[in-house]
Amino acid sequence: MIDVRKENQNTFIVSVTKGGSVTKHTVRLDDSYFQKLTGGTGDKERLIKESFQFLLEREPKESILRSFDLQVIGRYFPEYENTISGKS
């Protein structure tokens, strides 16, 4: 289960519960990157949740950085932006 809680306009706390344990992550998402990925549709919480679903398909929750800017995902997974843009 992925729970996304907004801390402020650009910072979110994400809790991932899987296999009886929980990891917590601080994710930053600025408006320009949100606009680039979604064209301004939907909301930031949904984009972050979909991004974590993307990550969890590729690595265990314990391997996800504890604090990062959403843009960083593309450095590790070059297909991220194309994949996620098609979903949002």
PDB file of N, CA and C in Angstrom:
ATOM      1  N   MET A   1       0.834  -1.171   0.000  1.00  0.00           N
ATOM      2  CA  MET A   1       0.000   0.000   0.000  1.00  0.00           C
ATOM      3  C   MET A   1       0.884   1.242   0.000  1.00  0.00           C
ATOM      4  N   ILE A   2       0.483   2.231  -0.782  1.00  0.00           N
ATOM      5  CA  ILE A   2       1.223   3.480  -0.893  1.00  0.00           C
ATOM      6  C   ILE A   2       0.327   4.609  -0.396  1.00  0.00           C
ATOM      7  N   ASP A   3       0.809   5.323   0.620  1.00  0.00           N
ATOM      8  CA  ASP A   3       0.066   6.453   1.167  1.00  0.00           C
ATOM      9  C   ASP A   3       0.884   7.719   0.954  1.00  0.00           C
ATOM     10  N   VAL A   4       0.274   8.716   0.311  1.00  0.00           N
ATOM     11  CA  VAL A   4       0.961   9.973   0.020  1.00  0.00           C
ATOM     12  C   VAL A   4       0.288  11.084   0.821  1.00  0.00           C
ATOM     13  N   ARG A   5       1.085  11.786   1.620  1.00  0.00           N
ATOM     14  CA  ARG A   5       0.568  12.892   2.435  1.00  0.00           C
ATOM     15  C   ARG A   5       1.322  14.164   2.074  1.00  0.00           C
ATOM     16  N   LYS A   6       0.563  15.202   1.768  1.00  0.00           N
ATOM     17  CA  LYS A   6       1.146  16.483   1.388  1.00  0.00           C
ATOM     18  C   LYS A   6       1.652  17.212   2.620  1.00  0.00           C
ATOM     19  N   GLU A   7       2.928  17.583   2.603  1.00  0.00           N
ATOM     20  CA  GLU A   7       3.507  18.346   3.700  1.00  0.00           C
ATOM     21  C   GLU A   7       3.433  19.848   3.400  1.00  0.00           C
ATOM     22  N   ASN A   8       3.755  20.215   2.162  1.00  0.00           N
ATOM     23  CA  ASN A   8       3.569  21.577   1.680  1.00  0.00           C
ATOM     24  C   ASN A   8       3.410  21.513   0.166  1.00  0.00           C
ATOM     25  N   GLN A   9       3.417  22.648  -0.495  1.00  0.00           N
ATOM     26  CA  GLN A   9       3.133  22.707  -1.936  1.00  0.00           C
ATOM     27  C   GLN A   9       3.995  21.747  -2.756  1.00  0.00           C
ATOM     28  N   ASN A  10       5.253  21.569  -2.366  1.00  0.00           N
ATOM     29  CA  ASN A  10       6.173  20.770  -3.176  1.00  0.00           C
ATOM     30  C   ASN A  10       6.806  19.587  -2.446  1.00  0.00           C
ATOM     31  N   THR A  11       6.400  19.308  -1.225  1.00  0.00           N
ATOM     32  CA  THR A  11       7.000  18.233  -0.440  1.00  0.00           C
ATOM     33  C   THR A  11       5.915  17.279   0.046  1.00  0.00           C
ATOM     34  N   PHE A  12       6.196  15.981  -0.104  1.00  0.00           N
ATOM     35  CA  PHE A  12       5.228  14.954   0.247  1.00  0.00           C
ATOM     36  C   PHE A  12       5.918  13.861   1.053  1.00  0.00           C
ATOM     37  N   ILE A  13       5.176  13.283   1.986  1.00  0.00           N
ATOM     38  CA  ILE A  13       5.664  12.146   2.759  1.00  0.00           C
ATOM     39  C   ILE A  13       4.945  10.916   2.220  1.00  0.00           C
ATOM     40  N   VAL A  14       5.731   9.931   1.816  1.00  0.00           N
ATOM     41  CA  VAL A  14       5.174   8.710   1.245  1.00  0.00           C
ATOM     42  C   VAL A  14       5.495   7.552   2.173  1.00  0.00           C
ATOM     43  N   SER A  15       4.454   6.806   2.550  1.00  0.00           N
ATOM     44  CA  SER A  15       4.624   5.592   3.348  1.00  0.00           C
ATOM     45  C   SER A  15       4.293   4.401   2.460  1.00  0.00           C
ATOM     46  N   VAL A  16       5.197   3.436   2.430  1.00  0.00           N
ATOM     47  CA  VAL A  16       4.984   2.228   1.643  1.00  0.00           C
ATOM     48  C   VAL A  16       4.909   1.054   2.608  1.00  0.00           C
ATOM     49  N   THR A  17       3.762   0.385   2.616  1.00  0.00           N
ATOM     50  CA  THR A  17       3.565  -0.782   3.466  1.00  0.00           C
ATOM     51  C   THR A  17       3.509  -2.011   2.571  1.00  0.00           C
ATOM     52  N   LYS A  18       4.400  -2.942   2.833  1.00  0.00           N
ATOM     53  CA  LYS A  18       4.456  -4.166   2.031  1.00  0.00           C
ATOM     54  C   LYS A  18       5.203  -5.223   2.834  1.00  0.00           C
ATOM     55  N   GLY A  19       4.673  -6.407   2.855  1.00  0.00           N
ATOM     56  CA  GLY A  19       5.342  -7.489   3.559  1.00  0.00           C
ATOM     57  C   GLY A  19       5.403  -7.277   5.061  1.00  0.00           C
ATOM     58  N   GLY A  20       4.441  -6.547   5.612  1.00  0.00           N
ATOM     59  CA  GLY A  20       4.390  -6.347   7.053  1.00  0.00           C
ATOM     60  C   GLY A  20       5.297  -5.263   7.589  1.00  0.00           C
ATOM     61  N   SER A  21       6.004  -4.554   6.707  1.00  0.00           N
ATOM     62  CA  SER A  21       6.858  -3.465   7.181  1.00  0.00           C
ATOM     63  C   SER A  21       6.559  -2.196   6.398  1.00  0.00           C
ATOM     64  N   VAL A  22       7.015  -1.079   6.951  1.00  0.00           N
ATOM     65  CA  VAL A  22       6.738   0.229   6.357  1.00  0.00           C
ATOM     66  C   VAL A  22       8.044   0.980   6.137  1.00  0.00           C
ATOM     67  N   THR A  23       8.147   1.640   4.986  1.00  0.00           N
ATOM     68  CA  THR A  23       9.238   2.584   4.754  1.00  0.00           C
ATOM     69  C   THR A  23       8.613   3.953   4.530  1.00  0.00           C
ATOM     70  N   LYS A  24       9.347   4.995   4.908  1.00  0.00           N
ATOM     71  CA  LYS A  24       8.873   6.367   4.720  1.00  0.00           C
ATOM     72  C   LYS A  24       9.877   7.122   3.858  1.00  0.00           C
ATOM     73  N   HIS A  25       9.314   7.951   2.980  1.00  0.00           N
ATOM     74  CA  HIS A  25      10.128   8.678   2.011  1.00  0.00           C
ATOM     75  C   HIS A  25       9.636  10.115   1.912  1.00  0.00           C
ATOM     76  N   THR A  26      10.570  11.046   1.803  1.00  0.00           N
ATOM     77  CA  THR A  26      10.240  12.448   1.569  1.00  0.00           C
ATOM     78  C   THR A  26      10.522  12.736   0.102  1.00  0.00           C
ATOM     79  N   VAL A  27       9.496  13.190  -0.616  1.00  0.00           N
ATOM     80  CA  VAL A  27       9.609  13.407  -2.052  1.00  0.00           C
ATOM     81  C   VAL A  27       9.281  14.864  -2.361  1.00  0.00           C
ATOM     82  N   ARG A  28      10.137  15.481  -3.164  1.00  0.00           N
ATOM     83  CA  ARG A  28       9.891  16.844  -3.604  1.00  0.00           C
ATOM     84  C   ARG A  28       9.492  16.832  -5.080  1.00  0.00           C
ATOM     85  N   LEU A  29       8.478  17.638  -5.392  1.00  0.00           N
ATOM     86  CA  LEU A  29       7.982  17.730  -6.765  1.00  0.00           C
ATOM     87  C   LEU A  29       7.625  19.181  -7.051  1.00  0.00           C
ATOM     88  N   ASP A  30       8.413  19.826  -7.913  1.00  0.00           N
ATOM     89  CA  ASP A  30       8.107  21.225  -8.215  1.00  0.00           C
ATOM     90  C   ASP A  30       7.064  21.302  -9.337  1.00  0.00           C
ATOM     91  N   ASP A  31       6.476  22.476  -9.453  1.00  0.00           N
ATOM     92  CA  ASP A  31       5.378  22.665 -10.405  1.00  0.00           C
ATOM     93  C   ASP A  31       5.796  22.451 -11.852  1.00  0.00           C
ATOM     94  N   SER A  32       7.002  22.871 -12.213  1.00  0.00           N
ATOM     95  CA  SER A  32       7.424  22.734 -13.613  1.00  0.00           C
ATOM     96  C   SER A  32       7.583  21.269 -14.019  1.00  0.00           C
ATOM     97  N   TYR A  33       8.106  20.433 -13.126  1.00  0.00           N
ATOM     98  CA  TYR A  33       8.261  19.013 -13.459  1.00  0.00           C
ATOM     99  C   TYR A  33       6.896  18.323 -13.480  1.00  0.00           C
ATOM    100  N   PHE A  34       6.021  18.708 -12.566  1.00  0.00           N
ATOM    101  CA  PHE A  34       4.646  18.188 -12.575  1.00  0.00           C
ATOM    102  C   PHE A  34       3.981  18.522 -13.909  1.00  0.00           C
ATOM    103  N   GLN A  35       4.133  19.756 -14.341  1.00  0.00           N
ATOM    104  CA  GLN A  35       3.544  20.199 -15.616  1.00  0.00           C
ATOM    105  C   GLN A  35       4.127  19.401 -16.782  1.00  0.00           C
ATOM    106  N   LYS A  36       5.435  19.187 -16.760  1.00  0.00           N
ATOM    107  CA  LYS A  36       6.099  18.447 -17.840  1.00  0.00           C
ATOM    108  C   LYS A  36       5.543  17.028 -17.956  1.00  0.00           C
ATOM    109  N   LEU A  37       5.352  16.350 -16.830  1.00  0.00           N
ATOM    110  CA  LEU A  37       4.911  14.953 -16.859  1.00  0.00           C
ATOM    111  C   LEU A  37       3.416  14.786 -17.097  1.00  0.00           C
ATOM    112  N   THR A  38       2.630  15.740 -16.631  1.00  0.00           N
ATOM    113  CA  THR A  38       1.167  15.537 -16.665  1.00  0.00           C
ATOM    114  C   THR A  38       0.419  16.521 -17.556  1.00  0.00           C
ATOM    115  N   GLY A  39       1.104  17.561 -18.016  1.00  0.00           N
ATOM    116  CA  GLY A  39       0.405  18.605 -18.751  1.00  0.00           C
ATOM    117  C   GLY A  39      -0.519  19.397 -17.842  1.00  0.00           C
ATOM    118  N   GLY A  40      -0.316  19.257 -16.533  1.00  0.00           N
ATOM    119  CA  GLY A  40      -1.128  19.977 -15.558  1.00  0.00           C
ATOM    120  C   GLY A  40      -2.416  19.280 -15.170  1.00  0.00           C
ATOM    121  N   THR A  41      -2.611  18.070 -15.651  1.00  0.00           N
ATOM    122  CA  THR A  41      -3.830  17.339 -15.298  1.00  0.00           C
ATOM    123  C   THR A  41      -3.578  16.452 -14.080  1.00  0.00           C
ATOM    124  N   GLY A  42      -4.639  16.160 -13.358  1.00  0.00           N
ATOM    125  CA  GLY A  42      -4.513  15.335 -12.159  1.00  0.00           C
ATOM    126  C   GLY A  42      -3.939  16.148 -11.020  1.00  0.00           C
ATOM    127  N   ASP A  43      -3.382  15.447 -10.046  1.00  0.00           N
ATOM    128  CA  ASP A  43      -2.776  16.149  -8.913  1.00  0.00           C
ATOM    129  C   ASP A  43      -1.431  15.524  -8.582  1.00  0.00           C
ATOM    130  N   LYS A  44      -0.664  16.253  -7.813  1.00  0.00           N
ATOM    131  CA  LYS A  44       0.690  15.808  -7.480  1.00  0.00           C
ATOM    132  C   LYS A  44       0.682  14.497  -6.701  1.00  0.00           C
ATOM    133  N   GLU A  45      -0.278  14.346  -5.802  1.00  0.00           N
ATOM    134  CA  GLU A  45      -0.339  13.119  -5.001  1.00  0.00           C
ATOM    135  C   GLU A  45      -0.501  11.885  -5.900  1.00  0.00           C
ATOM    136  N   ARG A  46      -1.350  12.006  -6.909  1.00  0.00           N
ATOM    137  CA  ARG A  46      -1.559  10.879  -7.827  1.00  0.00           C
ATOM    138  C   ARG A  46      -0.289  10.561  -8.603  1.00  0.00           C
ATOM    139  N   LEU A  47       0.390  11.604  -9.086  1.00  0.00           N
ATOM    140  CA  LEU A  47       1.635  11.395  -9.827  1.00  0.00           C
ATOM    141  C   LEU A  47       2.675  10.704  -8.947  1.00  0.00           C
ATOM    142  N   ILE A  48       2.783  11.115  -7.718  1.00  0.00           N
ATOM    143  CA  ILE A  48       3.759  10.508  -6.811  1.00  0.00           C
ATOM    144  C   ILE A  48       3.395   9.057  -6.535  1.00  0.00           C
ATOM    145  N   LYS A  49       2.126   8.786  -6.327  1.00  0.00           N
ATOM    146  CA  LYS A  49       1.703   7.398  -6.089  1.00  0.00           C
ATOM    147  C   LYS A  49       2.019   6.526  -7.305  1.00  0.00           C
ATOM    148  N   GLU A  50       1.717   7.013  -8.501  1.00  0.00           N
ATOM    149  CA  GLU A  50       2.022   6.255  -9.721  1.00  0.00           C
ATOM    150  C   GLU A  50       3.531   6.073  -9.885  1.00  0.00           C
ATOM    151  N   SER A  51       4.295   7.070  -9.473  1.00  0.00           N
ATOM    152  CA  SER A  51       5.752   6.970  -9.562  1.00  0.00           C
ATOM    153  C   SER A  51       6.279   5.900  -8.612  1.00  0.00           C
ATOM    154  N   PHE A  52       5.689   5.795  -7.430  1.00  0.00           N
ATOM    155  CA  PHE A  52       6.098   4.739  -6.498  1.00  0.00           C
ATOM    156  C   PHE A  52       5.673   3.365  -7.003  1.00  0.00           C
ATOM    157  N   GLN A  53       4.531   3.274  -7.649  1.00  0.00           N
ATOM    158  CA  GLN A  53       4.135   2.001  -8.243  1.00  0.00           C
ATOM    159  C   GLN A  53       5.158   1.592  -9.301  1.00  0.00           C
ATOM    160  N   PHE A  54       5.590   2.556 -10.098  1.00  0.00           N
ATOM    161  CA  PHE A  54       6.632   2.331 -11.100  1.00  0.00           C
ATOM    162  C   PHE A  54       7.899   1.802 -10.436  1.00  0.00           C
ATOM    163  N   LEU A  55       8.334   2.474  -9.370  1.00  0.00           N
ATOM    164  CA  LEU A  55       9.552   2.057  -8.677  1.00  0.00           C
ATOM    165  C   LEU A  55       9.423   0.662  -8.080  1.00  0.00           C
ATOM    166  N   LEU A  56       8.289   0.387  -7.457  1.00  0.00           N
ATOM    167  CA  LEU A  56       8.107  -0.909  -6.789  1.00  0.00           C
ATOM    168  C   LEU A  56       8.036  -2.072  -7.764  1.00  0.00           C
ATOM    169  N   GLU A  57       7.736  -1.796  -9.021  1.00  0.00           N
ATOM    170  CA  GLU A  57       7.782  -2.840 -10.054  1.00  0.00           C
ATOM    171  C   GLU A  57       9.224  -3.189 -10.411  1.00  0.00           C
ATOM    172  N   ARG A  58      10.164  -2.337 -10.001  1.00  0.00           N
ATOM    173  CA  ARG A  58      11.557  -2.496 -10.399  1.00  0.00           C
ATOM    174  C   ARG A  58      12.527  -2.755  -9.251  1.00  0.00           C
ATOM    175  N   GLU A  59      12.112  -2.428  -8.033  1.00  0.00           N
ATOM    176  CA  GLU A  59      13.014  -2.609  -6.891  1.00  0.00           C
ATOM    177  C   GLU A  59      12.210  -2.710  -5.598  1.00  0.00           C
ATOM    178  N   PRO A  60      12.809  -3.320  -4.572  1.00  0.00           N
ATOM    179  CA  PRO A  60      12.110  -3.401  -3.277  1.00  0.00           C
ATOM    180  C   PRO A  60      12.008  -2.023  -2.632  1.00  0.00           C
ATOM    181  N   LYS A  61      11.018  -1.855  -1.793  1.00  0.00           N
ATOM    182  CA  LYS A  61      10.790  -0.556  -1.145  1.00  0.00           C
ATOM    183  C   LYS A  61      12.001  -0.088  -0.350  1.00  0.00           C
ATOM    184  N   GLU A  62      12.761  -1.007   0.184  1.00  0.00           N
ATOM    185  CA  GLU A  62      13.946  -0.656   0.977  1.00  0.00           C
ATOM    186  C   GLU A  62      15.056  -0.042   0.121  1.00  0.00           C
ATOM    187  N   SER A  63      14.995  -0.246  -1.197  1.00  0.00           N
ATOM    188  CA  SER A  63      16.012   0.309  -2.097  1.00  0.00           C
ATOM    189  C   SER A  63      15.668   1.716  -2.572  1.00  0.00           C
ATOM    190  N   ILE A  64      14.442   2.150  -2.343  1.00  0.00           N
ATOM    191  CA  ILE A  64      14.030   3.490  -2.764  1.00  0.00           C
ATOM    192  C   ILE A  64      14.645   4.513  -1.817  1.00  0.00           C
ATOM    193  N   LEU A  65      15.210   5.562  -2.378  1.00  0.00           N
ATOM    194  CA  LEU A  65      15.834   6.612  -1.571  1.00  0.00           C
ATOM    195  C   LEU A  65      14.860   7.148  -0.533  1.00  0.00           C
ATOM    196  N   ARG A  66      15.361   7.520   0.621  1.00  0.00           N
ATOM    197  CA  ARG A  66      14.507   8.030   1.713  1.00  0.00           C
ATOM    198  C   ARG A  66      14.083   9.465   1.481  1.00  0.00           C
ATOM    199  N   SER A  67      14.866  10.200   0.705  1.00  0.00           N
ATOM    200  CA  SER A  67      14.536  11.593   0.417  1.00  0.00           C
ATOM    201  C   SER A  67      15.076  11.918  -0.976  1.00  0.00           C
ATOM    202  N   PHE A  68      14.211  12.418  -1.859  1.00  0.00           N
ATOM    203  CA  PHE A  68      14.655  12.711  -3.217  1.00  0.00           C
ATOM    204  C   PHE A  68      13.667  13.619  -3.952  1.00  0.00           C
ATOM    205  N   ASP A  69      14.163  14.237  -5.021  1.00  0.00           N
ATOM    206  CA  ASP A  69      13.325  14.976  -5.955  1.00  0.00           C
ATOM    207  C   ASP A  69      12.800  13.964  -6.964  1.00  0.00           C
ATOM    208  N   LEU A  70      11.559  14.085  -7.349  1.00  0.00           N
ATOM    209  CA  LEU A  70      10.962  13.108  -8.260  1.00  0.00           C
ATOM    210  C   LEU A  70      11.766  12.970  -9.554  1.00  0.00           C
ATOM    211  N   GLN A  71      12.387  14.052 -10.010  1.00  0.00           N
ATOM    212  CA  GLN A  71      13.170  14.021 -11.245  1.00  0.00           C
ATOM    213  C   GLN A  71      14.306  13.007 -11.209  1.00  0.00           C
ATOM    214  N   VAL A  72      14.784  12.670 -10.034  1.00  0.00           N
ATOM    215  CA  VAL A  72      15.906  11.750  -9.876  1.00  0.00           C
ATOM    216  C   VAL A  72      15.588  10.344 -10.426  1.00  0.00           C
ATOM    217  N   ILE A  73      14.330   9.971 -10.428  1.00  0.00           N
ATOM    218  CA  ILE A  73      13.951   8.623 -10.881  1.00  0.00           C
ATOM    219  C   ILE A  73      14.467   8.371 -12.293  1.00  0.00           C
ATOM    220  N   GLY A  74      14.392   9.376 -13.155  1.00  0.00           N
ATOM    221  CA  GLY A  74      14.845   9.223 -14.535  1.00  0.00           C
ATOM    222  C   GLY A  74      16.323   8.930 -14.679  1.00  0.00           C
ATOM    223  N   ARG A  75      17.124   9.297 -13.691  1.00  0.00           N
ATOM    224  CA  ARG A  75      18.557   8.987 -13.725  1.00  0.00           C
ATOM    225  C   ARG A  75      18.799   7.486 -13.565  1.00  0.00           C
ATOM    226  N   TYR A  76      17.972   6.855 -12.743  1.00  0.00           N
ATOM    227  CA  TYR A  76      18.107   5.421 -12.485  1.00  0.00           C
ATOM    228  C   TYR A  76      17.327   4.576 -13.485  1.00  0.00           C
ATOM    229  N   PHE A  77      16.217   5.123 -13.952  1.00  0.00           N
ATOM    230  CA  PHE A  77      15.341   4.399 -14.877  1.00  0.00           C
ATOM    231  C   PHE A  77      14.996   5.335 -16.038  1.00  0.00           C
ATOM    232  N   PRO A  78      15.773   5.283 -17.132  1.00  0.00           N
ATOM    233  CA  PRO A  78      15.585   6.211 -18.241  1.00  0.00           C
ATOM    234  C   PRO A  78      14.183   6.166 -18.862  1.00  0.00           C
ATOM    235  N   GLU A  79      13.481   5.082 -18.705  1.00  0.00           N
ATOM    236  CA  GLU A  79      12.136   4.954 -19.287  1.00  0.00           C
ATOM    237  C   GLU A  79      11.059   5.616 -18.433  1.00  0.00           C
ATOM    238  N   TYR A  80      11.439   6.123 -17.264  1.00  0.00           N
ATOM    239  CA  TYR A  80      10.465   6.652 -16.303  1.00  0.00           C
ATOM    240  C   TYR A  80       9.546   7.726 -16.901  1.00  0.00           C
ATOM    241  N   GLU A  81      10.112   8.768 -17.466  1.00  0.00           N
ATOM    242  CA  GLU A  81       9.273   9.884 -17.925  1.00  0.00           C
ATOM    243  C   GLU A  81       8.301   9.456 -19.006  1.00  0.00           C
ATOM    244  N   ASN A  82       8.749   8.672 -19.978  1.00  0.00           N
ATOM    245  CA  ASN A  82       7.830   8.207 -21.020  1.00  0.00           C
ATOM    246  C   ASN A  82       6.745   7.302 -20.455  1.00  0.00           C
ATOM    247  N   THR A  83       7.127   6.427 -19.544  1.00  0.00           N
ATOM    248  CA  THR A  83       6.156   5.502 -18.945  1.00  0.00           C
ATOM    249  C   THR A  83       5.133   6.248 -18.122  1.00  0.00           C
ATOM    250  N   ILE A  84       5.583   7.134 -17.282  1.00  0.00           N
ATOM    251  CA  ILE A  84       4.676   7.823 -16.351  1.00  0.00           C
ATOM    252  C   ILE A  84       3.829   8.864 -17.083  1.00  0.00           C
ATOM    253  N   SER A  85       4.364   9.492 -18.112  1.00  0.00           N
ATOM    254  CA  SER A  85       3.598  10.481 -18.874  1.00  0.00           C
ATOM    255  C   SER A  85       2.412   9.834 -19.565  1.00  0.00           C
ATOM    256  N   GLY A  86       2.581   8.590 -19.953  1.00  0.00           N
ATOM    257  CA  GLY A  86       1.476   7.867 -20.591  1.00  0.00           C
ATOM    258  C   GLY A  86       0.373   7.491 -19.633  1.00  0.00           C
ATOM    259  N   LYS A  87       0.686   7.444 -18.313  1.00  0.00           N
ATOM    260  CA  LYS A  87      -0.304   7.057 -17.295  1.00  0.00           C
ATOM    261  C   LYS A  87      -1.093   8.249 -16.796  1.00  0.00           C
ATOM    262  N   SER A  88      -0.432   9.388 -16.627  1.00  0.00           N
ATOM    263  CA  SER A  88      -1.067  10.530 -15.962  1.00  0.00           C
ATOM    264  C   SER A  88      -2.004  11.274 -16.871  1.00  0.00           C
TER     265      SER A  88
END
